[in-house]
Amino acid sequence: MSQTISLATEKPYGVQRVCRVWEQARSSFYHAARQSASNNQAPLKRRGPRPSISDEALLELIRADLASSPFTGEGHRKVWARLRVRDGVRVSRKRVLRLMRENHLLSPYRGRPKAPKEHDGKIITMAPNLMWGTDGTRVFTLEEGWVWIFAAVEHWNAECVGWHVCKKGDRYAALQPIAMGLNDLYGGIGADVARGLALRMDHGTQYLSDHFLNQLKFWGITPSFAFVAQPQTNGVAERFNRTLKEQAIYGRIFRTVEDVREAVENFVELYNSEWRVEKNAFRAPREIRQNWQESRQAA
């Protein structure tokens, strides 16, 4: 219509005038024109020189190679290498990858065989002595090298219920903060003293040992392992270690294990009595526990 010649002026009406009369946007006209041109345009041919072997023929060679291979679960690199070295088919590795991906021939073992468990993001308990978290970290000393720090933290109020500093961070050392917490809060370390308590920990060798797990079983504690590749599931203990390092470790030079032990002891006492935690309505962990005990006695 825009190219129609006007009888009065003997000139085309033009796109602007036609769109104004029809009350249509010019952008719609140009969009429709581009769509019509693209539909009528021939499909683009492959750029560059013609390959020595077509995609169809190469795909057949790939299928034949996978069928004749004595191994299972091989990826595109092995297929490309055999075609290149053994059969003399010199093609691009990315081309082999593209064809195998388009035809679902890639290895089925590229990802995890099982879907990872998703955490719901809730690790804080609503009452004390339901779950503790434990973790270990290391600090360097000038005279004795690396030193281990183990801690046990209450998930309910973020209170450090036990700690241990040592040179050798084995399974026995990892149990020390748990034993300290049991002595302070349960009054002993006898059999089934902490029945109903769960312990959140990662997959460190100390926590996976038979001795560690058997000792938890003796105390009545249920092991609760953090999810693989999701350190936030042990976030209470991890956050305490970060606070400990920022407040008492970083920026200081320690010479011996005893220096580290003294620094950790002083910090834990100050942390439990003075550190303001947001989930506690900015009250200290020890203050939260005292309020809980008073409310239980009043009830």
C-alpha atoms as a PDB file:
ATOM      1  CA  MET A   1       0.000   0.000   0.000  1.00  0.00           C
ATOM      2  CA  SER A   2       2.856   2.415   0.809  1.00  0.00           C
ATOM      3  CA  GLN A   3       4.225   1.995  -2.724  1.00  0.00           C
ATOM      4  CA  THR A   4       0.869   2.726  -4.382  1.00  0.00           C
ATOM      5  CA  ILE A   5       1.001   5.825  -6.639  1.00  0.00           C
ATOM      6  CA  SER A   6      -1.345   8.638  -5.650  1.00  0.00           C
ATOM      7  CA  LEU A   7      -3.586   9.810  -8.544  1.00  0.00           C
ATOM      8  CA  ALA A   8      -3.372  13.416  -7.331  1.00  0.00           C
ATOM      9  CA  THR A   9       0.368  13.770  -6.739  1.00  0.00           C
ATOM     10  CA  GLU A  10       1.598  10.890  -8.882  1.00  0.00           C
ATOM     11  CA  LYS A  11       3.896   9.886  -5.989  1.00  0.00           C
ATOM     12  CA  PRO A  12       3.854   6.888  -3.614  1.00  0.00           C
ATOM     13  CA  TYR A  13       1.761   7.322  -0.474  1.00  0.00           C
ATOM     14  CA  GLY A  14       4.736   6.345   1.738  1.00  0.00           C
ATOM     15  CA  VAL A  15       4.947   4.332   4.931  1.00  0.00           C
ATOM     16  CA  GLN A  16       4.445   7.280   7.269  1.00  0.00           C
ATOM     17  CA  ARG A  17       1.176   8.420   5.703  1.00  0.00           C
ATOM     18  CA  VAL A  18      -0.277   4.923   5.383  1.00  0.00           C
ATOM     19  CA  CYS A  19       0.535   4.064   9.011  1.00  0.00           C
ATOM     20  CA  ARG A  20      -1.006   7.351  10.192  1.00  0.00           C
ATOM     21  CA  VAL A  21      -4.239   6.700   8.322  1.00  0.00           C
ATOM     22  CA  TRP A  22      -4.410   3.113   9.555  1.00  0.00           C
ATOM     23  CA  GLU A  23      -3.422   4.199  13.089  1.00  0.00           C
ATOM     24  CA  GLN A  24      -0.609   1.693  13.237  1.00  0.00           C
ATOM     25  CA  ALA A  25       2.935   2.104  14.532  1.00  0.00           C
ATOM     26  CA  ARG A  26       5.651   2.162  11.920  1.00  0.00           C
ATOM     27  CA  SER A  27       7.708  -0.232  14.018  1.00  0.00           C
ATOM     28  CA  SER A  28       5.027  -2.888  13.504  1.00  0.00           C
ATOM     29  CA  PHE A  29       5.244  -2.384   9.737  1.00  0.00           C
ATOM     30  CA  TYR A  30       9.048  -2.714   9.685  1.00  0.00           C
ATOM     31  CA  HIS A  31       8.914  -5.756  11.950  1.00  0.00           C
ATOM     32  CA  ALA A  32       6.429  -7.500   9.649  1.00  0.00           C
ATOM     33  CA  ALA A  33       8.594  -6.630   6.667  1.00  0.00           C
ATOM     34  CA  ARG A  34      11.698  -8.124   8.276  1.00  0.00           C
ATOM     35  CA  GLN A  35       9.785 -11.269   9.220  1.00  0.00           C
ATOM     36  CA  SER A  36       8.550 -11.695   5.667  1.00  0.00           C
ATOM     37  CA  ALA A  37      12.056 -11.203   4.274  1.00  0.00           C
ATOM     38  CA  SER A  38      13.577 -13.729   6.678  1.00  0.00           C
ATOM     39  CA  ASN A  39      10.900 -16.326   5.824  1.00  0.00           C
ATOM     40  CA  ASN A  40      11.586 -16.001   2.149  1.00  0.00           C
ATOM     41  CA  GLN A  41      15.346 -16.058   2.582  1.00  0.00           C
ATOM     42  CA  ALA A  42      17.163 -19.283   1.811  1.00  0.00           C
ATOM     43  CA  PRO A  43      18.823 -20.985   4.828  1.00  0.00           C
ATOM     44  CA  LEU A  44      22.404 -19.928   5.393  1.00  0.00           C
ATOM     45  CA  LYS A  45      25.036 -22.341   4.212  1.00  0.00           C
ATOM     46  CA  ARG A  46      27.949 -23.491   6.331  1.00  0.00           C
ATOM     47  CA  ARG A  47      30.695 -20.903   6.343  1.00  0.00           C
ATOM     48  CA  GLY A  48      34.252 -21.788   5.428  1.00  0.00           C
ATOM     49  CA  PRO A  49      35.644 -24.573   3.279  1.00  0.00           C
ATOM     50  CA  ARG A  50      33.666 -27.730   2.707  1.00  0.00           C
ATOM     51  CA  PRO A  51      34.654 -30.442   5.271  1.00  0.00           C
ATOM     52  CA  SER A  52      36.253 -33.617   4.063  1.00  0.00           C
ATOM     53  CA  ILE A  53      33.492 -35.689   5.680  1.00  0.00           C
ATOM     54  CA  SER A  54      29.848 -34.819   6.169  1.00  0.00           C
ATOM     55  CA  ASP A  55      28.108 -34.722   9.524  1.00  0.00           C
ATOM     56  CA  GLU A  56      26.046 -37.758   8.620  1.00  0.00           C
ATOM     57  CA  ALA A  57      29.087 -39.847   7.721  1.00  0.00           C
ATOM     58  CA  LEU A  58      30.990 -38.662  10.796  1.00  0.00           C
ATOM     59  CA  LEU A  59      28.059 -39.546  13.038  1.00  0.00           C
ATOM     60  CA  GLU A  60      28.029 -43.077  11.651  1.00  0.00           C
ATOM     61  CA  LEU A  61      31.744 -43.406  12.409  1.00  0.00           C
ATOM     62  CA  ILE A  62      31.142 -42.171  15.955  1.00  0.00           C
ATOM     63  CA  ARG A  63      28.345 -44.673  16.516  1.00  0.00           C
ATOM     64  CA  ALA A  64      30.486 -47.488  15.129  1.00  0.00           C
ATOM     65  CA  ASP A  65      33.403 -46.500  17.381  1.00  0.00           C
ATOM     66  CA  LEU A  66      31.242 -46.460  20.506  1.00  0.00           C
ATOM     67  CA  ALA A  67      29.747 -49.827  19.596  1.00  0.00           C
ATOM     68  CA  SER A  68      33.144 -51.470  19.024  1.00  0.00           C
ATOM     69  CA  SER A  69      34.841 -50.015  22.111  1.00  0.00           C
ATOM     70  CA  PRO A  70      35.410 -52.505  24.970  1.00  0.00           C
ATOM     71  CA  PHE A  71      34.874 -49.719  27.532  1.00  0.00           C
ATOM     72  CA  THR A  72      31.711 -47.977  28.690  1.00  0.00           C
ATOM     73  CA  GLY A  73      30.991 -44.373  29.578  1.00  0.00           C
ATOM     74  CA  GLU A  74      33.655 -42.842  27.336  1.00  0.00           C
ATOM     75  CA  GLY A  75      33.411 -39.174  26.386  1.00  0.00           C
ATOM     76  CA  HIS A  76      33.957 -37.302  23.170  1.00  0.00           C
ATOM     77  CA  ARG A  77      37.717 -36.900  23.711  1.00  0.00           C
ATOM     78  CA  LYS A  78      38.375 -40.643  23.531  1.00  0.00           C
ATOM     79  CA  VAL A  79      36.172 -40.990  20.460  1.00  0.00           C
ATOM     80  CA  TRP A  80      37.882 -38.066  18.731  1.00  0.00           C
ATOM     81  CA  ALA A  81      41.329 -39.452  19.583  1.00  0.00           C
ATOM     82  CA  ARG A  82      40.581 -42.923  18.200  1.00  0.00           C
ATOM     83  CA  LEU A  83      39.100 -41.518  15.008  1.00  0.00           C
ATOM     84  CA  ARG A  84      42.150 -39.298  14.557  1.00  0.00           C
ATOM     85  CA  VAL A  85      44.973 -41.667  15.547  1.00  0.00           C
ATOM     86  CA  ARG A  86      43.608 -45.078  14.636  1.00  0.00           C
ATOM     87  CA  ASP A  87      41.275 -44.367  11.711  1.00  0.00           C
ATOM     88  CA  GLY A  88      42.937 -41.279  10.246  1.00  0.00           C
ATOM     89  CA  VAL A  89      39.745 -39.190  10.358  1.00  0.00           C
ATOM     90  CA  ARG A  90      41.057 -35.700  11.062  1.00  0.00           C
ATOM     91  CA  VAL A  91      38.147 -33.587  12.257  1.00  0.00           C
ATOM     92  CA  SER A  92      37.715 -30.976  14.961  1.00  0.00           C
ATOM     93  CA  ARG A  93      37.221 -32.221  18.500  1.00  0.00           C
ATOM     94  CA  LYS A  94      34.450 -29.651  19.030  1.00  0.00           C
ATOM     95  CA  ARG A  95      32.660 -31.018  15.985  1.00  0.00           C
ATOM     96  CA  VAL A  96      32.695 -34.495  17.517  1.00  0.00           C
ATOM     97  CA  LEU A  97      31.399 -33.022  20.754  1.00  0.00           C
ATOM     98  CA  ARG A  98      28.577 -31.206  18.957  1.00  0.00           C
ATOM     99  CA  LEU A  99      27.428 -34.305  17.105  1.00  0.00           C
ATOM    100  CA  MET A 100      27.562 -36.484  20.203  1.00  0.00           C
ATOM    101  CA  ARG A 101      25.662 -33.921  22.243  1.00  0.00           C
ATOM    102  CA  GLU A 102      22.965 -33.446  19.583  1.00  0.00           C
ATOM    103  CA  ASN A 103      22.450 -37.206  19.337  1.00  0.00           C
ATOM    104  CA  HIS A 104      22.674 -37.964  23.088  1.00  0.00           C
ATOM    105  CA  LEU A 105      25.843 -40.015  22.807  1.00  0.00           C
ATOM    106  CA  LEU A 106      27.845 -38.361  25.575  1.00  0.00           C
ATOM    107  CA  SER A 107      28.893 -40.289  28.651  1.00  0.00           C
ATOM    108  CA  PRO A 108      26.060 -40.854  31.142  1.00  0.00           C
ATOM    109  CA  TYR A 109      28.570 -40.562  33.997  1.00  0.00           C
ATOM    110  CA  ARG A 110      29.505 -36.922  33.408  1.00  0.00           C
ATOM    111  CA  GLY A 111      27.411 -35.750  36.383  1.00  0.00           C
ATOM    112  CA  ARG A 112      26.685 -37.192  39.794  1.00  0.00           C
ATOM    113  CA  PRO A 113      24.887 -40.532  39.664  1.00  0.00           C
ATOM    114  CA  LYS A 114      22.455 -39.331  42.335  1.00  0.00           C
ATOM    115  CA  ALA A 115      20.785 -35.994  42.748  1.00  0.00           C
ATOM    116  CA  PRO A 116      22.313 -34.050  45.662  1.00  0.00           C
ATOM    117  CA  LYS A 117      20.174 -33.559  48.728  1.00  0.00           C
ATOM    118  CA  GLU A 118      18.890 -30.033  49.109  1.00  0.00           C
ATOM    119  CA  HIS A 119      19.060 -28.406  52.501  1.00  0.00           C
ATOM    120  CA  ASP A 120      16.044 -26.417  53.705  1.00  0.00           C
ATOM    121  CA  GLY A 121      18.289 -23.759  55.280  1.00  0.00           C
ATOM    122  CA  LYS A 122      17.174 -24.377  58.882  1.00  0.00           C
ATOM    123  CA  ILE A 123      19.872 -25.446  61.337  1.00  0.00           C
ATOM    124  CA  ILE A 124      18.824 -23.392  64.397  1.00  0.00           C
ATOM    125  CA  THR A 125      16.939 -25.304  67.089  1.00  0.00           C
ATOM    126  CA  MET A 126      14.140 -23.893  69.208  1.00  0.00           C
ATOM    127  CA  ALA A 127      15.388 -25.359  72.504  1.00  0.00           C
ATOM    128  CA  PRO A 128      18.806 -26.149  74.024  1.00  0.00           C
ATOM    129  CA  ASN A 129      20.611 -29.497  73.846  1.00  0.00           C
ATOM    130  CA  LEU A 130      18.913 -30.651  70.671  1.00  0.00           C
ATOM    131  CA  MET A 131      21.854 -30.165  68.319  1.00  0.00           C
ATOM    132  CA  TRP A 132      25.459 -29.132  68.723  1.00  0.00           C
ATOM    133  CA  GLY A 133      27.863 -28.403  65.921  1.00  0.00           C
ATOM    134  CA  THR A 134      31.572 -29.181  65.943  1.00  0.00           C
ATOM    135  CA  ASP A 135      34.460 -28.375  63.650  1.00  0.00           C
ATOM    136  CA  GLY A 136      38.230 -28.014  63.669  1.00  0.00           C
ATOM    137  CA  THR A 137      40.580 -25.375  62.328  1.00  0.00           C
ATOM    138  CA  ARG A 138      44.351 -24.769  62.401  1.00  0.00           C
ATOM    139  CA  VAL A 139      46.641 -21.933  63.483  1.00  0.00           C
ATOM    140  CA  PHE A 140      50.358 -21.610  62.776  1.00  0.00           C
ATOM    141  CA  THR A 141      52.893 -21.142  65.583  1.00  0.00           C
ATOM    142  CA  LEU A 142      56.548 -20.179  65.245  1.00  0.00           C
ATOM    143  CA  GLU A 143      58.046 -22.933  67.399  1.00  0.00           C
ATOM    144  CA  GLU A 144      55.607 -25.829  67.045  1.00  0.00           C
ATOM    145  CA  GLY A 145      54.152 -25.376  63.563  1.00  0.00           C
ATOM    146  CA  TRP A 146      50.462 -25.942  62.911  1.00  0.00           C
ATOM    147  CA  VAL A 147      48.163 -26.221  65.926  1.00  0.00           C
ATOM    148  CA  TRP A 148      44.595 -27.570  65.948  1.00  0.00           C
ATOM    149  CA  ILE A 149      41.585 -25.841  67.516  1.00  0.00           C
ATOM    150  CA  PHE A 150      38.407 -27.888  68.010  1.00  0.00           C
ATOM    151  CA  ALA A 151      35.139 -26.362  69.216  1.00  0.00           C
ATOM    152  CA  ALA A 152      31.589 -27.471  69.990  1.00  0.00           C
ATOM    153  CA  VAL A 153      28.816 -24.896  69.556  1.00  0.00           C
ATOM    154  CA  GLU A 154      25.171 -25.004  70.615  1.00  0.00           C
ATOM    155  CA  HIS A 155      22.863 -24.480  67.623  1.00  0.00           C
ATOM    156  CA  TRP A 156      20.188 -22.943  69.827  1.00  0.00           C
ATOM    157  CA  ASN A 157      22.031 -19.860  71.141  1.00  0.00           C
ATOM    158  CA  ALA A 158      25.453 -20.071  69.399  1.00  0.00           C
ATOM    159  CA  GLU A 159      27.168 -20.721  72.737  1.00  0.00           C
ATOM    160  CA  CYS A 160      30.597 -22.373  72.678  1.00  0.00           C
ATOM    161  CA  VAL A 161      30.026 -25.329  75.005  1.00  0.00           C
ATOM    162  CA  GLY A 162      33.503 -26.827  74.605  1.00  0.00           C
ATOM    163  CA  TRP A 163      36.909 -26.265  73.037  1.00  0.00           C
ATOM    164  CA  HIS A 164      40.300 -27.939  72.772  1.00  0.00           C
ATOM    165  CA  VAL A 165      43.718 -26.803  71.497  1.00  0.00           C
ATOM    166  CA  CYS A 166      46.383 -29.372  70.654  1.00  0.00           C
ATOM    167  CA  LYS A 167      49.261 -30.185  68.360  1.00  0.00           C
ATOM    168  CA  LYS A 168      47.860 -33.448  66.962  1.00  0.00           C
ATOM    169  CA  GLY A 169      44.327 -33.090  65.636  1.00  0.00           C
ATOM    170  CA  ASP A 170      43.240 -36.732  65.726  1.00  0.00           C
ATOM    171  CA  ARG A 171      39.951 -38.417  66.662  1.00  0.00           C
ATOM    172  CA  TYR A 172      40.746 -38.251  70.367  1.00  0.00           C
ATOM    173  CA  ALA A 173      41.313 -34.494  70.240  1.00  0.00           C
ATOM    174  CA  ALA A 174      38.075 -33.970  68.303  1.00  0.00           C
ATOM    175  CA  LEU A 175      36.145 -35.579  71.181  1.00  0.00           C
ATOM    176  CA  GLN A 176      37.528 -33.262  73.848  1.00  0.00           C
ATOM    177  CA  PRO A 177      35.183 -30.272  73.249  1.00  0.00           C
ATOM    178  CA  ILE A 178      32.190 -32.628  73.279  1.00  0.00           C
ATOM    179  CA  ALA A 179      33.319 -34.092  76.607  1.00  0.00           C
ATOM    180  CA  MET A 180      33.830 -30.596  78.029  1.00  0.00           C
ATOM    181  CA  GLY A 181      30.304 -29.591  77.041  1.00  0.00           C
ATOM    182  CA  LEU A 182      28.825 -32.752  78.546  1.00  0.00           C
ATOM    183  CA  ASN A 183      30.632 -32.191  81.838  1.00  0.00           C
ATOM    184  CA  ASP A 184      29.453 -28.582  82.059  1.00  0.00           C
ATOM    185  CA  LEU A 185      25.841 -28.990  80.922  1.00  0.00           C
ATOM    186  CA  TYR A 186      25.003 -32.650  81.700  1.00  0.00           C
ATOM    187  CA  GLY A 187      27.175 -33.119  84.765  1.00  0.00           C
ATOM    188  CA  GLY A 188      29.237 -36.034  83.465  1.00  0.00           C
ATOM    189  CA  ILE A 189      30.286 -38.243  80.581  1.00  0.00           C
ATOM    190  CA  GLY A 190      28.609 -41.510  81.505  1.00  0.00           C
ATOM    191  CA  ALA A 191      26.682 -43.847  79.273  1.00  0.00           C
ATOM    192  CA  ASP A 192      23.602 -42.332  77.572  1.00  0.00           C
ATOM    193  CA  VAL A 193      24.172 -39.034  79.383  1.00  0.00           C
ATOM    194  CA  ALA A 194      23.194 -37.000  76.296  1.00  0.00           C
ATOM    195  CA  ARG A 195      20.335 -39.079  74.925  1.00  0.00           C
ATOM    196  CA  GLY A 196      18.355 -36.926  72.475  1.00  0.00           C
ATOM    197  CA  LEU A 197      21.282 -34.714  71.445  1.00  0.00           C
ATOM    198  CA  ALA A 198      22.469 -34.645  67.823  1.00  0.00           C
ATOM    199  CA  LEU A 199      25.958 -33.577  66.725  1.00  0.00           C
ATOM    200  CA  ARG A 200      26.371 -31.808  63.378  1.00  0.00           C
ATOM    201  CA  MET A 201      29.806 -32.283  61.797  1.00  0.00           C
ATOM    202  CA  ASP A 202      31.486 -32.502  58.423  1.00  0.00           C
ATOM    203  CA  HIS A 203      33.110 -35.524  56.779  1.00  0.00           C
ATOM    204  CA  GLY A 204      36.579 -35.050  58.251  1.00  0.00           C
ATOM    205  CA  THR A 205      38.632 -38.128  59.011  1.00  0.00           C
ATOM    206  CA  GLN A 206      38.372 -37.476  62.753  1.00  0.00           C
ATOM    207  CA  TYR A 207      34.579 -37.533  62.649  1.00  0.00           C
ATOM    208  CA  LEU A 208      34.336 -40.585  60.390  1.00  0.00           C
ATOM    209  CA  SER A 209      36.561 -42.768  62.566  1.00  0.00           C
ATOM    210  CA  ASP A 210      35.078 -45.750  64.396  1.00  0.00           C
ATOM    211  CA  HIS A 211      36.401 -44.501  67.731  1.00  0.00           C
ATOM    212  CA  PHE A 212      34.666 -41.131  67.394  1.00  0.00           C
ATOM    213  CA  LEU A 213      31.331 -42.592  66.287  1.00  0.00           C
ATOM    214  CA  ASN A 214      31.399 -45.323  68.925  1.00  0.00           C
ATOM    215  CA  GLN A 215      32.056 -42.757  71.635  1.00  0.00           C
ATOM    216  CA  LEU A 216      29.083 -40.694  70.458  1.00  0.00           C
ATOM    217  CA  LYS A 217      26.968 -43.828  70.566  1.00  0.00           C
ATOM    218  CA  PHE A 218      28.142 -44.487  74.146  1.00  0.00           C
ATOM    219  CA  TRP A 219      27.051 -40.998  75.165  1.00  0.00           C
ATOM    220  CA  GLY A 220      23.697 -41.390  73.386  1.00  0.00           C
ATOM    221  CA  ILE A 221      24.489 -38.693  70.823  1.00  0.00           C
ATOM    222  CA  THR A 222      23.129 -39.072  67.277  1.00  0.00           C
ATOM    223  CA  PRO A 223      25.638 -38.173  64.509  1.00  0.00           C
ATOM    224  CA  SER A 224      24.310 -35.650  61.979  1.00  0.00           C
ATOM    225  CA  PHE A 225      26.646 -35.127  59.030  1.00  0.00           C
ATOM    226  CA  ALA A 226      26.638 -31.965  56.954  1.00  0.00           C
ATOM    227  CA  PHE A 227      25.726 -32.319  53.284  1.00  0.00           C
ATOM    228  CA  VAL A 228      28.592 -32.804  50.862  1.00  0.00           C
ATOM    229  CA  ALA A 229      29.719 -29.557  49.172  1.00  0.00           C
ATOM    230  CA  GLN A 230      27.315 -27.552  51.353  1.00  0.00           C
ATOM    231  CA  PRO A 231      29.356 -26.139  54.278  1.00  0.00           C
ATOM    232  CA  GLN A 232      26.409 -23.953  55.284  1.00  0.00           C
ATOM    233  CA  THR A 233      24.765 -27.048  56.767  1.00  0.00           C
ATOM    234  CA  ASN A 234      27.434 -26.887  59.484  1.00  0.00           C
ATOM    235  CA  GLY A 235      27.169 -23.122  59.538  1.00  0.00           C
ATOM    236  CA  VAL A 236      26.914 -22.621  63.316  1.00  0.00           C
ATOM    237  CA  ALA A 237      30.321 -24.142  64.033  1.00  0.00           C
ATOM    238  CA  GLU A 238      31.807 -22.613  60.885  1.00  0.00           C
ATOM    239  CA  ARG A 239      30.587 -19.149  61.905  1.00  0.00           C
ATOM    240  CA  PHE A 240      32.034 -19.514  65.392  1.00  0.00           C
ATOM    241  CA  ASN A 241      35.433 -20.451  63.953  1.00  0.00           C
ATOM    242  CA  ARG A 242      35.332 -17.402  61.732  1.00  0.00           C
ATOM    243  CA  THR A 243      34.506 -15.134  64.685  1.00  0.00           C
ATOM    244  CA  LEU A 244      37.258 -16.771  66.746  1.00  0.00           C
ATOM    245  CA  LYS A 245      39.847 -16.137  64.046  1.00  0.00           C
ATOM    246  CA  GLU A 246      38.761 -12.578  63.386  1.00  0.00           C
ATOM    247  CA  GLN A 247      38.701 -11.619  67.060  1.00  0.00           C
ATOM    248  CA  ALA A 248      41.527 -13.626  68.629  1.00  0.00           C
ATOM    249  CA  ILE A 249      43.775 -15.173  65.943  1.00  0.00           C
ATOM    250  CA  TYR A 250      44.270 -12.891  62.954  1.00  0.00           C
ATOM    251  CA  GLY A 251      46.896 -10.195  63.396  1.00  0.00           C
ATOM    252  CA  ARG A 252      48.708 -12.026  66.217  1.00  0.00           C
ATOM    253  CA  ILE A 253      51.881 -14.093  66.231  1.00  0.00           C
ATOM    254  CA  PHE A 254      51.853 -17.251  68.354  1.00  0.00           C
ATOM    255  CA  ARG A 255      54.988 -19.101  69.390  1.00  0.00           C
ATOM    256  CA  THR A 256      53.661 -22.227  71.117  1.00  0.00           C
ATOM    257  CA  VAL A 257      50.539 -24.300  71.620  1.00  0.00           C
ATOM    258  CA  GLU A 258      50.155 -22.799  75.062  1.00  0.00           C
ATOM    259  CA  ASP A 259      49.938 -19.286  73.569  1.00  0.00           C
ATOM    260  CA  VAL A 260      47.090 -20.392  71.315  1.00  0.00           C
ATOM    261  CA  ARG A 261      45.376 -22.213  74.185  1.00  0.00           C
ATOM    262  CA  GLU A 262      45.461 -19.088  76.362  1.00  0.00           C
ATOM    263  CA  ALA A 263      44.078 -16.902  73.546  1.00  0.00           C
ATOM    264  CA  VAL A 264      41.217 -19.323  72.822  1.00  0.00           C
ATOM    265  CA  GLU A 265      40.337 -19.725  76.501  1.00  0.00           C
ATOM    266  CA  ASN A 266      40.121 -15.960  77.034  1.00  0.00           C
ATOM    267  CA  PHE A 267      38.085 -15.451  73.887  1.00  0.00           C
ATOM    268  CA  VAL A 268      35.559 -18.224  74.625  1.00  0.00           C
ATOM    269  CA  GLU A 269      34.851 -16.773  78.067  1.00  0.00           C
ATOM    270  CA  LEU A 270      34.412 -13.281  76.614  1.00  0.00           C
ATOM    271  CA  TYR A 271      32.357 -14.582  73.687  1.00  0.00           C
ATOM    272  CA  ASN A 272      29.864 -16.526  75.791  1.00  0.00           C
ATOM    273  CA  SER A 273      29.302 -13.646  78.203  1.00  0.00           C
ATOM    274  CA  GLU A 274      29.543 -10.576  75.952  1.00  0.00           C
ATOM    275  CA  TRP A 275      29.168 -11.450  72.247  1.00  0.00           C
ATOM    276  CA  ARG A 276      25.864 -10.093  70.924  1.00  0.00           C
ATOM    277  CA  VAL A 277      24.175 -12.492  68.531  1.00  0.00           C
ATOM    278  CA  GLU A 278      21.456 -11.217  66.193  1.00  0.00           C
ATOM    279  CA  LYS A 279      19.327 -14.381  66.369  1.00  0.00           C
ATOM    280  CA  ASN A 280      19.379 -13.971  70.171  1.00  0.00           C
ATOM    281  CA  ALA A 281      17.863 -10.487  69.848  1.00  0.00           C
ATOM    282  CA  PHE A 282      21.434  -9.185  70.336  1.00  0.00           C
ATOM    283  CA  ARG A 283      21.846 -10.874  73.682  1.00  0.00           C
ATOM    284  CA  ALA A 284      24.881 -12.912  74.714  1.00  0.00           C
ATOM    285  CA  PRO A 285      24.694 -16.734  74.540  1.00  0.00           C
ATOM    286  CA  ARG A 286      25.128 -17.171  78.279  1.00  0.00           C
ATOM    287  CA  GLU A 287      22.380 -14.633  78.953  1.00  0.00           C
ATOM    288  CA  ILE A 288      19.989 -16.603  76.763  1.00  0.00           C
ATOM    289  CA  ARG A 289      20.767 -19.838  78.655  1.00  0.00           C
ATOM    290  CA  GLN A 290      20.272 -18.159  82.050  1.00  0.00           C
ATOM    291  CA  ASN A 291      16.906 -16.756  80.964  1.00  0.00           C
ATOM    292  CA  TRP A 292      15.876 -20.214  79.752  1.00  0.00           C
ATOM    293  CA  GLN A 293      16.826 -21.849  83.043  1.00  0.00           C
ATOM    294  CA  GLU A 294      14.969 -19.187  85.051  1.00  0.00           C
ATOM    295  CA  SER A 295      11.835 -19.633  82.951  1.00  0.00           C
ATOM    296  CA  ARG A 296      11.974 -23.421  83.410  1.00  0.00           C
ATOM    297  CA  GLN A 297      12.342 -23.067  87.184  1.00  0.00           C
ATOM    298  CA  ALA A 298       9.449 -20.596  87.344  1.00  0.00           C
ATOM    299  CA  ALA A 299       7.227 -22.965  85.385  1.00  0.00           C
END
